[in-house]
């Protein structure tokens, strides 16, 4: 696993710092779409292609109790938001650097 991939996993894993829909005591589905969009942005910024990000998300999702009925074991709602986040970043609408 590359350092880039390890960082993505650490950020977006269940209860990780960028898992917006879960905290140790609360599940908030209102943040699902935002989290998927943000994942797409960060994946693009890390150099991942859209398909790589969606497949990686599905592989991670396959180990969970979440809906796996979509392509690559994703929740069917997730890939479109990952794609949008990736597109927004690649269009230059979101820029920045890590501190």
Protein backbone atom coordinates (compact mmCIF):
# COMPACT_ATOMS: atom_id res chain seq x y z
CA UNK A 1 0.00 0.00 0.00
CA UNK A 2 1.37 3.40 -0.92
CA UNK A 3 1.56 6.27 1.54
CA UNK A 4 -1.10 8.07 -0.51
CA UNK A 5 -3.46 5.10 -0.22
CA UNK A 6 -2.77 4.69 3.49
CA UNK A 7 -3.58 8.37 4.05
CA UNK A 8 -6.86 8.06 2.15
CA UNK A 9 -7.80 5.01 4.20
CA UNK A 10 -6.94 6.75 7.48
CA UNK A 11 -8.97 9.83 6.56
CA UNK A 12 -12.11 8.12 5.30
CA UNK A 13 -12.27 4.91 7.32
CA UNK A 14 -15.29 4.35 9.53
CA UNK A 15 -15.21 6.96 12.33
CA UNK A 16 -12.13 8.53 10.71
CA UNK A 17 -11.69 12.30 10.65
CA UNK A 18 -13.50 12.63 7.30
CA UNK A 19 -16.32 10.15 7.98
CA UNK A 20 -18.91 12.90 8.24
CA UNK A 21 -21.91 10.64 8.68
CA UNK A 22 -20.68 8.67 11.68
CA UNK A 23 -19.46 9.45 15.13
CA UNK A 24 -19.09 6.90 17.91
CA UNK A 25 -22.66 7.51 19.05
CA UNK A 26 -24.57 8.93 16.05
CA UNK A 27 -25.25 8.00 12.42
CA UNK A 28 -26.31 11.00 10.33
CA UNK A 29 -27.35 10.04 6.79
CA UNK A 30 -27.74 13.75 5.96
CA UNK A 31 -23.97 13.89 5.42
CA UNK A 32 -23.70 10.83 3.13
CA UNK A 33 -23.76 12.75 -0.15
CA UNK A 34 -21.39 15.42 1.16
CA UNK A 35 -18.97 12.76 2.38
CA UNK A 36 -19.01 10.99 -0.99
CA UNK A 37 -18.46 14.29 -2.81
CA UNK A 38 -15.62 15.21 -0.48
CA UNK A 39 -14.06 11.78 -0.94
CA UNK A 40 -14.12 12.38 -4.71
CA UNK A 41 -12.39 15.75 -4.27
CA UNK A 42 -9.68 14.37 -1.99
CA UNK A 43 -9.14 11.29 -4.19
CA UNK A 44 -8.68 13.52 -7.25
CA UNK A 45 -6.30 15.79 -5.34
CA UNK A 46 -4.30 12.69 -4.36
CA UNK A 47 -4.04 11.74 -8.04
CA UNK A 48 -6.63 8.97 -8.17
CA UNK A 49 -8.74 8.60 -11.30
CA UNK A 50 -12.52 8.56 -10.87
CA UNK A 51 -12.76 4.83 -11.50
CA UNK A 52 -9.96 4.09 -9.03
CA UNK A 53 -11.74 6.09 -6.33
CA UNK A 54 -15.08 4.39 -6.95
CA UNK A 55 -13.57 0.90 -7.01
CA UNK A 56 -11.55 1.59 -3.83
CA UNK A 57 -14.67 2.88 -2.08
CA UNK A 58 -16.55 -0.25 -3.11
CA UNK A 59 -13.80 -2.54 -1.87
CA UNK A 60 -13.88 -0.78 1.50
CA UNK A 61 -17.69 -0.84 1.52
CA UNK A 62 -17.66 -4.60 0.86
CA UNK A 63 -16.29 -5.11 4.38
CA UNK A 64 -19.13 -3.15 5.97
CA UNK A 65 -22.81 -3.72 6.67
CA UNK A 66 -23.75 -0.93 4.24
CA UNK A 67 -25.78 -1.37 1.03
CA UNK A 68 -23.54 -3.18 -1.49
CA UNK A 69 -26.03 -3.54 -4.35
CA UNK A 70 -24.27 -1.11 -6.71
CA UNK A 71 -21.26 -1.57 -8.96
CA UNK A 72 -18.07 -2.71 -7.21
CA UNK A 73 -20.02 -3.26 -3.94
CA UNK A 74 -20.88 0.43 -3.61
CA UNK A 75 -24.15 1.80 -2.34
CA UNK A 76 -25.83 2.70 -5.66
CA UNK A 77 -26.14 6.35 -4.54
CA UNK A 78 -22.44 6.85 -3.82
CA UNK A 79 -20.59 6.77 -7.18
CA UNK A 80 -22.36 9.77 -8.69
CA UNK A 81 -21.27 11.98 -5.78
CA UNK A 82 -17.70 10.64 -5.93
CA UNK A 83 -17.68 11.46 -9.66
CA UNK A 84 -19.01 14.97 -9.04
CA UNK A 85 -16.34 15.65 -6.43
CA UNK A 86 -13.65 14.40 -8.78
CA UNK A 87 -15.01 16.55 -11.62
CA UNK A 88 -15.21 19.69 -9.46
CA UNK A 89 -11.59 19.28 -8.38
CA UNK A 90 -10.32 18.53 -11.89
CA UNK A 91 -12.20 21.57 -13.25
CA UNK A 92 -10.16 23.75 -10.88
CA UNK A 93 -13.18 24.81 -8.81
CA UNK A 94 -11.51 23.59 -5.61
CA UNK A 95 -7.86 24.29 -5.01
CA UNK A 96 -5.54 24.28 -2.05
CA UNK A 97 -2.62 22.57 -0.48
CA UNK A 98 -2.14 20.57 2.67
CA UNK A 99 -0.49 22.39 5.56
